[in-house]
Amino acid sequence: MAFQLHKTPQRFANFSLGILALVNLFNYMDRYVVSALFESLKHSKLALSDLQLGLLMPSFLLVYMFSAPIFGALGDSRSRPRLIAFGVVVWSLATSLSAFAGSYLSLMLARGVVGVGEAAYGTIAPALLADYFPLRQRGRVMAIFFCAIPVGAAFGYIVGGLMDAHYGWRSAFFVAGVPGIVLAALCWKLRDPPRGGQEAEELRSAPQGAAYRSLLGNKPYVLNVLGYTAYTFAVGGLASWMPAFLERVRGLSHAEAAVNFGSIVVATGFVGTFAGGWLGDYLARHSRSAYLWLSALATLAAVPFVWGALTTHSHTLYTVWMVIAELLLFLSTGPVNAATINLVSPSVRATALALQVFFIHLLGDVISPPLIGAISDATSLSDGVKIVPLAVMIAGIIWAFAAYASRVRSTPHVPG
């Protein structure tokens, strides 16, 4: 095949980044609104145990991760904007329908369908962005895109908590779900640039099996995904249980707990994610493994602060430690995803992201929320959350190994 080099007009690229980042905000708002409702669901007619509450996130994630490879394969060959628009409509409708749940099973089913929609978006949007912007800008582009994670999650906590406090838990699902239907129409209008158009690289297609074999044989990519898995285990457990932890252990009211953690997440996430993206791009001028080293060192530095925030009896110290911990954790958000994109061939990026999604959730936040819930049922929630700092440390160690391995690895081609 001939080499392709395509430059998307900067104005349109920036507009597309804005739309996709806004959609990602509602993506994570839909995902985490249920965490703000844990205490109300526990004491509602549904009368859920902590283990059942902990399983609500995996019900979504299991569907999400098994759908991701399907959409990843489609994203490497079909219209990406239309696949994204389909996903946004599906998850928005499913979130809205969660408000009508009359039983634990129906609530779990609705949350599961949210996973189908988010799989279409989460696996394809980063690969689409990589074809809008050149390699030198990818750290900051991914930072802008992924800064929607903390902002959206925080909106989920805050909006969910406030709507629940004033109008009941069912209203929170309506507010989170409806806006996505409008955003889907905007996604449908986006352009689909040539895959790999920002890089002077020959694109070679391969059967899906060959693509997976190529990815699994890519040691830096595999180590990056494993580190991301431990990170997702930690962050997913923290995100699911912190509002309930603040209410039960710290004695905050329901609304105060949601707003407290949501405020910390939105502030630290916005600053940390942007700072990580820009710092990663700056350091990447000097080292091809800079994105991974930054992720490793920031995550390892976060370990004592996570432990301190979860074990101190002082609310003031909790706030200080949690702010520092979240800032350090969010530094890696842009760099680690930029590393994934840069470590693989443009022709299999959606597949690589889909495989990443599958493993980080299968071994990450599918496990941690119910595990914390089970420990909480057996002992206390204070004991349950103590597994989080260990997972953070493991993530940093694995990313350090990935950074070392990536020094001698160039971006691979997929075998034809």
Protein backbone atom coordinates (compact mmCIF):
# COMPACT_ATOMS: atom_id res chain seq x y z
CA MET A 1 0.00 0.00 0.00
CA ALA A 2 1.05 3.61 -0.51
CA PHE A 3 2.09 5.83 2.34
CA GLN A 4 -0.69 8.09 3.58
CA LEU A 5 -0.23 11.53 5.09
CA HIS A 6 -3.34 13.53 5.85
CA LYS A 7 -3.63 16.77 7.78
CA THR A 8 -7.01 17.57 9.32
CA PRO A 9 -7.67 21.36 9.42
CA GLN A 10 -6.73 22.58 12.91
CA ARG A 11 -10.05 24.34 13.46
CA PHE A 12 -12.07 21.22 12.71
CA ALA A 13 -9.69 19.02 14.72
CA ASN A 14 -10.13 21.28 17.75
CA PHE A 15 -13.91 21.33 17.30
CA SER A 16 -13.99 17.53 17.11
CA LEU A 17 -11.83 17.25 20.22
CA GLY A 18 -14.25 19.53 22.06
CA ILE A 19 -17.28 17.45 21.04
CA LEU A 20 -15.65 14.14 21.93
CA ALA A 21 -14.40 15.47 25.27
CA LEU A 22 -17.90 16.74 26.11
CA VAL A 23 -19.37 13.36 25.24
CA ASN A 24 -16.73 11.71 27.42
CA LEU A 25 -17.84 13.93 30.30
CA PHE A 26 -21.38 12.60 30.07
CA ASN A 27 -19.94 9.11 29.54
CA TYR A 28 -18.39 9.20 33.01
CA MET A 29 -21.29 11.09 34.55
CA ASP A 30 -23.58 8.24 33.45
CA ARG A 31 -21.08 5.72 34.75
CA TYR A 32 -20.61 7.16 38.25
CA VAL A 33 -23.99 8.66 39.04
CA VAL A 34 -24.95 5.31 40.57
CA SER A 35 -22.08 5.57 43.10
CA ALA A 36 -23.67 8.70 44.56
CA LEU A 37 -26.88 6.73 45.11
CA PHE A 38 -25.42 3.77 47.05
CA GLU A 39 -26.77 4.78 50.46
CA SER A 40 -30.24 5.59 49.11
CA LEU A 41 -30.39 2.32 47.18
CA LYS A 42 -29.27 0.44 50.28
CA HIS A 43 -32.15 1.88 52.32
CA SER A 44 -34.75 1.96 49.52
CA LYS A 45 -37.40 -0.70 48.83
CA LEU A 46 -34.66 -2.59 46.97
CA ALA A 47 -32.82 -3.05 50.31
CA LEU A 48 -29.42 -3.84 48.78
CA SER A 49 -26.42 -5.24 50.64
CA ASP A 50 -22.95 -3.76 50.19
CA LEU A 51 -21.98 -6.72 48.00
CA GLN A 52 -25.00 -6.08 45.77
CA LEU A 53 -24.12 -2.39 45.56
CA GLY A 54 -20.56 -3.32 44.70
CA LEU A 55 -21.79 -5.53 41.88
CA LEU A 56 -23.67 -2.70 40.14
CA MET A 57 -20.48 -1.35 38.58
CA PRO A 58 -19.29 -4.79 37.35
CA SER A 59 -22.71 -5.44 35.77
CA PHE A 60 -21.95 -2.48 33.53
CA LEU A 61 -18.26 -3.25 33.13
CA LEU A 62 -18.68 -6.91 32.18
CA VAL A 63 -20.91 -5.96 29.26
CA TYR A 64 -18.59 -3.06 28.44
CA MET A 65 -15.44 -5.16 28.27
CA PHE A 66 -16.98 -8.02 26.27
CA SER A 67 -18.52 -5.54 23.81
CA ALA A 68 -15.27 -3.60 23.44
CA PRO A 69 -13.42 -6.09 21.18
CA ILE A 70 -16.41 -6.17 18.81
CA PHE A 71 -16.48 -2.39 18.49
CA GLY A 72 -12.69 -2.30 18.35
CA ALA A 73 -12.71 -4.50 15.25
CA LEU A 74 -15.51 -2.43 13.70
CA GLY A 75 -13.65 0.76 14.55
CA ASP A 76 -10.63 -0.32 12.51
CA SER A 77 -12.75 -0.77 9.37
CA ARG A 78 -16.11 1.06 9.58
CA SER A 79 -17.28 4.66 9.99
CA ARG A 80 -16.06 5.73 13.41
CA PRO A 81 -18.33 8.79 13.91
CA ARG A 82 -21.44 6.72 13.22
CA LEU A 83 -20.35 3.94 15.57
CA ILE A 84 -19.71 6.56 18.25
CA ALA A 85 -23.13 8.16 17.71
CA PHE A 86 -24.79 4.75 18.04
CA GLY A 87 -23.00 4.13 21.32
CA VAL A 88 -23.98 7.49 22.79
CA VAL A 89 -27.67 6.93 22.02
CA VAL A 90 -27.64 3.44 23.54
CA TRP A 91 -25.99 4.41 26.83
CA SER A 92 -28.12 7.56 27.20
CA LEU A 93 -31.36 5.64 26.80
CA ALA A 94 -30.18 2.88 29.15
CA THR A 95 -29.22 5.40 31.85
CA SER A 96 -32.62 7.06 31.59
CA LEU A 97 -34.37 3.70 31.80
CA SER A 98 -32.51 2.92 35.03
CA ALA A 99 -34.93 5.34 36.70
CA PHE A 100 -37.77 2.85 36.14
CA ALA A 101 -36.01 -0.09 37.81
CA GLY A 102 -38.40 -1.94 40.11
CA SER A 103 -35.97 -4.60 41.27
CA TYR A 104 -32.27 -5.23 41.68
CA LEU A 105 -32.26 -7.41 38.55
CA SER A 106 -33.87 -4.75 36.36
CA LEU A 107 -31.42 -2.13 37.65
CA MET A 108 -28.48 -4.42 36.85
CA LEU A 109 -29.83 -5.11 33.36
CA ALA A 110 -30.21 -1.40 32.62
CA ARG A 111 -26.67 -0.73 33.86
CA GLY A 112 -25.46 -3.59 31.67
CA VAL A 113 -26.92 -2.01 28.53
CA VAL A 114 -25.05 1.20 29.38
CA GLY A 115 -21.91 -0.90 28.87
CA VAL A 116 -22.81 -1.66 25.24
CA GLY A 117 -23.04 2.02 24.38
CA GLU A 118 -19.90 3.03 26.22
CA ALA A 119 -17.91 0.23 24.56
CA ALA A 120 -18.67 1.71 21.15
CA TYR A 121 -17.42 5.10 22.29
CA GLY A 122 -14.53 4.26 24.58
CA THR A 123 -12.67 2.04 22.12
CA ILE A 124 -13.06 4.24 19.04
CA ALA A 125 -12.89 7.89 20.13
CA PRO A 126 -9.18 7.92 21.16
CA ALA A 127 -8.16 6.26 17.90
CA LEU A 128 -10.21 8.82 15.95
CA LEU A 129 -8.49 11.66 17.84
CA ALA A 130 -5.07 10.20 16.98
CA ASP A 131 -5.93 10.74 13.31
CA TYR A 132 -6.95 14.37 13.90
CA PHE A 133 -3.68 15.44 15.60
CA PRO A 134 0.05 14.85 15.02
CA LEU A 135 2.10 12.66 17.35
CA ARG A 136 3.81 15.60 19.10
CA GLN A 137 0.44 16.82 20.44
CA ARG A 138 -1.00 13.49 21.57
CA GLY A 139 -0.19 13.77 25.27
CA ARG A 140 -2.08 17.03 25.63
CA VAL A 141 -4.88 15.91 23.28
CA MET A 142 -5.41 12.77 25.36
CA ALA A 143 -5.23 14.92 28.49
CA ILE A 144 -8.03 17.18 27.21
CA PHE A 145 -10.10 14.18 26.19
CA PHE A 146 -9.52 12.26 29.42
CA CYS A 147 -9.89 15.25 31.72
CA ALA A 148 -13.57 14.57 31.15
CA ILE A 149 -13.14 11.48 33.35
CA PRO A 150 -12.73 13.34 36.65
CA VAL A 151 -15.07 16.15 35.62
CA GLY A 152 -17.76 13.72 34.47
CA ALA A 153 -17.30 11.47 37.50
CA ALA A 154 -17.51 14.51 39.78
CA PHE A 155 -20.70 15.65 38.05
CA GLY A 156 -22.04 12.15 38.58
CA TYR A 157 -21.36 12.37 42.31
CA ILE A 158 -22.54 15.96 42.73
CA VAL A 159 -25.58 15.93 40.43
CA GLY A 160 -26.54 12.44 41.56
CA GLY A 161 -26.18 13.35 45.23
CA LEU A 162 -28.10 16.62 44.97
CA MET A 163 -30.90 15.22 42.79
CA ASP A 164 -31.19 12.26 45.15
CA ALA A 165 -31.33 14.50 48.22
CA HIS A 166 -34.05 16.74 46.78
CA TYR A 167 -36.04 14.57 44.35
CA GLY A 168 -35.11 10.93 45.00
CA TRP A 169 -32.61 8.56 43.40
CA ARG A 170 -34.67 7.91 40.27
CA SER A 171 -34.46 11.55 39.16
CA ALA A 172 -30.65 11.37 39.04
CA PHE A 173 -30.72 8.84 36.19
CA PHE A 174 -32.93 11.11 34.05
CA VAL A 175 -30.65 14.11 34.45
CA ALA A 176 -27.57 12.03 33.61
CA GLY A 177 -29.05 10.24 30.60
CA VAL A 178 -31.11 12.65 28.51
CA PRO A 179 -28.36 15.10 27.30
CA GLY A 180 -26.47 12.31 25.54
CA ILE A 181 -29.18 11.96 22.89
CA VAL A 182 -28.44 15.52 21.66
CA LEU A 183 -24.69 14.88 21.70
CA ALA A 184 -25.14 11.78 19.55
CA ALA A 185 -26.42 13.96 16.69
CA LEU A 186 -23.24 16.08 16.86
CA CYS A 187 -21.05 12.94 16.77
CA TRP A 188 -22.84 11.74 13.63
CA LYS A 189 -21.64 14.91 11.82
CA LEU A 190 -17.91 14.42 12.58
CA ARG A 191 -15.46 13.54 9.79
CA ASP A 192 -13.66 10.21 9.62
CA PRO A 193 -10.07 10.96 8.49
CA PRO A 194 -7.79 8.29 6.98
CA ARG A 195 -6.39 5.90 9.57
CA GLY A 196 -2.77 6.72 10.26
CA GLY A 197 -3.09 9.90 8.21
CA GLN A 198 -0.98 11.88 10.68
CA GLU A 199 1.98 9.51 10.29
CA ALA A 200 4.13 8.69 7.27
CA GLU A 201 3.70 4.98 7.80
CA GLU A 202 2.57 2.25 5.47
CA LEU A 203 -0.71 0.81 6.69
CA ARG A 204 -1.17 -2.90 6.30
CA SER A 205 -4.38 -4.62 7.24
CA ALA A 206 -4.33 -8.02 8.89
CA PRO A 207 -6.84 -10.63 10.02
CA GLN A 208 -8.13 -9.93 13.51
CA GLY A 209 -6.27 -12.94 14.90
CA ALA A 210 -2.98 -11.64 13.54
CA ALA A 211 -3.68 -8.22 15.04
CA TYR A 212 -4.23 -9.73 18.49
CA ARG A 213 -1.08 -11.86 18.19
CA SER A 214 0.91 -8.77 17.24
CA LEU A 215 -0.41 -6.85 20.24
CA LEU A 216 0.18 -9.67 22.71
CA GLY A 217 3.74 -9.99 21.40
CA ASN A 218 4.36 -6.29 22.01
CA LYS A 219 5.97 -6.35 25.49
CA PRO A 220 5.75 -2.62 26.30
CA TYR A 221 2.08 -2.58 25.26
CA VAL A 222 1.31 -5.64 27.40
CA LEU A 223 3.11 -4.21 30.45
CA ASN A 224 1.36 -0.87 29.94
CA VAL A 225 -2.02 -2.62 29.96
CA LEU A 226 -1.11 -4.63 33.08
CA GLY A 227 -0.08 -1.46 34.91
CA TYR A 228 -3.28 0.22 33.77
CA THR A 229 -5.21 -2.77 35.10
CA ALA A 230 -3.82 -2.38 38.62
CA TYR A 231 -4.43 1.38 38.40
CA THR A 232 -8.04 0.79 37.30
CA PHE A 233 -8.55 -1.69 40.16
CA ALA A 234 -7.48 1.03 42.61
CA VAL A 235 -9.25 4.00 41.06
CA GLY A 236 -12.43 2.02 40.35
CA GLY A 237 -12.67 0.84 43.95
CA LEU A 238 -12.04 4.35 45.25
CA ALA A 239 -14.54 5.93 42.87
CA SER A 240 -17.31 3.46 43.73
CA TRP A 241 -17.03 3.59 47.51
CA MET A 242 -15.72 7.01 48.59
CA PRO A 243 -19.14 8.75 48.90
CA ALA A 244 -20.39 5.88 51.09
CA PHE A 245 -17.06 5.86 53.00
CA LEU A 246 -17.37 9.57 53.79
CA GLU A 247 -20.97 9.12 54.94
CA ARG A 248 -20.41 6.06 57.12
CA VAL A 249 -16.87 6.50 58.36
CA ARG A 250 -16.43 10.29 58.35
CA GLY A 251 -20.01 11.09 59.40
CA LEU A 252 -20.87 13.43 56.53
CA SER A 253 -24.45 13.80 55.34
CA HIS A 254 -25.49 12.14 52.09
CA ALA A 255 -25.31 15.34 50.04
CA GLU A 256 -22.11 16.51 51.77
CA ALA A 257 -20.35 13.21 51.03
CA ALA A 258 -21.19 13.34 47.32
CA VAL A 259 -20.26 17.01 46.96
CA ASN A 260 -17.05 16.64 49.03
CA PHE A 261 -15.54 13.83 47.00
CA GLY A 262 -16.94 15.17 43.74
CA SER A 263 -15.32 18.56 44.36
CA ILE A 264 -11.95 16.97 45.08
CA VAL A 265 -12.16 14.81 41.97
CA VAL A 266 -13.15 17.63 39.62
CA ALA A 267 -10.45 20.02 40.86
CA THR A 268 -7.58 17.55 41.09
CA GLY A 269 -8.65 15.68 37.99
CA PHE A 270 -8.82 18.78 35.84
CA VAL A 271 -5.46 20.12 37.02
CA GLY A 272 -3.69 16.76 37.24
CA THR A 273 -4.85 15.46 33.87
CA PHE A 274 -3.93 18.65 32.01
CA ALA A 275 -0.58 18.92 33.78
CA GLY A 276 0.22 15.29 33.01
CA GLY A 277 -0.60 15.70 29.33
CA TRP A 278 1.52 18.80 28.83
CA LEU A 279 4.39 17.47 30.96
CA GLY A 280 4.30 14.16 29.10
CA ASP A 281 4.55 15.91 25.72
CA TYR A 282 7.46 18.03 26.94
CA LEU A 283 9.39 15.04 28.31
CA ALA A 284 8.59 12.94 25.23
CA ARG A 285 10.81 15.27 23.18
CA HIS A 286 13.76 13.77 25.02
CA SER A 287 12.68 10.16 25.64
CA ARG A 288 10.34 7.77 23.87
CA SER A 289 9.48 6.19 27.24
CA ALA A 290 8.64 9.52 28.92
CA TYR A 291 4.87 8.92 29.05
CA LEU A 292 5.37 5.66 30.92
CA TRP A 293 8.06 6.96 33.28
CA LEU A 294 5.82 9.87 34.22
CA SER A 295 2.91 7.49 34.91
CA ALA A 296 5.12 5.17 36.98
CA LEU A 297 6.75 7.83 39.15
CA ALA A 298 3.56 9.82 39.76
CA THR A 299 1.64 6.69 40.74
CA LEU A 300 4.34 5.46 43.12
CA ALA A 301 4.49 8.90 44.73
CA ALA A 302 0.72 8.72 45.33
CA VAL A 303 0.87 5.55 47.47
CA PRO A 304 1.56 7.09 50.92
CA PHE A 305 -1.00 9.83 50.36
CA VAL A 306 -3.74 7.35 49.40
CA TRP A 307 -2.97 5.33 52.54
CA GLY A 308 -2.96 8.45 54.70
CA ALA A 309 -6.30 9.70 53.33
CA LEU A 310 -8.01 6.36 54.01
CA THR A 311 -6.62 5.79 57.51
CA THR A 312 -6.40 9.21 59.19
CA HIS A 313 -9.07 10.16 61.74
CA SER A 314 -8.73 13.86 60.96
CA HIS A 315 -11.07 15.23 58.31
CA THR A 316 -8.60 18.04 57.58
CA LEU A 317 -5.74 15.60 57.00
CA TYR A 318 -8.05 13.40 54.93
CA THR A 319 -8.75 16.35 52.63
CA VAL A 320 -5.08 17.29 52.28
CA TRP A 321 -3.91 13.71 51.63
CA MET A 322 -6.74 12.97 49.22
CA VAL A 323 -6.12 16.13 47.18
CA ILE A 324 -2.42 15.27 46.81
CA ALA A 325 -3.17 11.61 46.06
CA GLU A 326 -5.74 12.43 43.38
CA LEU A 327 -3.47 15.02 41.76
CA LEU A 328 -0.69 12.46 41.45
CA LEU A 329 -3.01 9.71 40.20
CA PHE A 330 -4.52 11.92 37.52
CA LEU A 331 -1.10 12.95 36.18
CA SER A 332 -0.93 9.59 34.39
CA THR A 333 -4.32 9.75 32.64
CA GLY A 334 -3.18 11.45 29.42
CA PRO A 335 0.32 9.93 29.23
CA VAL A 336 -0.70 6.31 29.68
CA ASN A 337 -3.30 6.51 26.91
CA ALA A 338 -0.90 8.39 24.64
CA ALA A 339 1.61 5.61 25.30
CA THR A 340 -0.93 2.97 24.22
CA ILE A 341 -1.59 4.78 20.95
CA ASN A 342 2.08 5.35 20.20
CA LEU A 343 3.16 1.79 21.00
CA VAL A 344 0.97 0.20 18.30
CA SER A 345 0.43 0.51 14.57
CA PRO A 346 -2.25 2.98 13.37
CA SER A 347 -4.08 0.15 11.59
CA VAL A 348 -4.90 -1.62 14.87
CA ARG A 349 -5.34 1.25 17.32
CA ALA A 350 -9.04 0.70 17.95
CA THR A 351 -8.33 -3.01 18.44
CA ALA A 352 -5.46 -2.19 20.83
CA LEU A 353 -7.70 0.15 22.83
CA ALA A 354 -10.45 -2.47 22.89
CA LEU A 355 -8.07 -5.13 24.19
CA GLN A 356 -6.87 -2.66 26.80
CA VAL A 357 -10.46 -1.93 27.85
CA PHE A 358 -11.15 -5.65 28.16
CA PHE A 359 -8.25 -6.41 30.47
CA ILE A 360 -8.22 -3.28 32.64
CA HIS A 361 -11.86 -3.93 33.54
CA LEU A 362 -11.79 -7.75 33.68
CA LEU A 363 -8.94 -7.71 36.20
CA GLY A 364 -9.50 -4.17 37.51
CA ASP A 365 -12.71 -2.42 38.47
CA VAL A 366 -14.92 -5.42 37.79
CA ILE A 367 -13.24 -6.97 40.83
CA SER A 368 -12.48 -4.11 43.22
CA PRO A 369 -15.98 -2.67 44.02
CA PRO A 370 -17.57 -6.03 44.96
CA LEU A 371 -14.38 -7.12 46.75
CA ILE A 372 -14.44 -3.96 48.87
CA GLY A 373 -18.17 -4.51 49.43
CA ALA A 374 -17.62 -8.13 50.53
CA ILE A 375 -14.86 -7.08 52.96
CA SER A 376 -17.17 -4.33 54.24
CA ASP A 377 -19.99 -6.84 54.88
CA ALA A 378 -17.54 -9.11 56.74
CA THR A 379 -15.71 -6.44 58.77
CA SER A 380 -16.06 -2.75 57.89
CA LEU A 381 -15.81 -0.36 54.96
CA SER A 382 -12.70 1.13 56.60
CA ASP A 383 -10.98 -2.24 56.16
CA GLY A 384 -12.33 -2.77 52.65
CA VAL A 385 -10.79 0.37 51.14
CA LYS A 386 -7.31 -0.48 52.46
CA ILE A 387 -6.68 -2.70 49.42
CA VAL A 388 -6.56 0.43 47.24
CA PRO A 389 -3.04 1.68 48.15
CA LEU A 390 -1.55 -1.76 47.44
CA ALA A 391 -3.03 -1.74 43.93
CA VAL A 392 -1.69 1.79 43.33
CA MET A 393 1.83 0.62 44.24
CA ILE A 394 1.60 -2.40 41.93
CA ALA A 395 0.51 -0.14 39.05
CA GLY A 396 3.52 2.12 39.49
CA ILE A 397 5.96 -0.80 39.59
CA ILE A 398 4.58 -2.39 36.42
CA TRP A 399 4.61 0.93 34.55
CA ALA A 400 8.28 1.32 35.48
CA PHE A 401 9.00 -2.04 33.84
CA ALA A 402 6.95 -0.95 30.80
CA ALA A 403 8.96 2.26 30.53
CA TYR A 404 12.22 0.31 30.60
CA ALA A 405 10.97 -2.14 27.95
CA SER A 406 9.74 0.67 25.67
CA ARG A 407 13.22 2.20 25.37
CA VAL A 408 14.22 -0.41 22.80
CA ARG A 409 10.85 -0.84 21.09
CA SER A 410 9.70 1.19 18.13
CA THR A 411 6.11 1.35 16.95
CA PRO A 412 5.40 -2.10 15.42
CA HIS A 413 3.79 -2.98 12.14
CA VAL A 414 1.06 -5.55 11.96
CA PRO A 415 2.03 -8.58 9.89
CA GLY A 416 0.24 -8.77 6.57
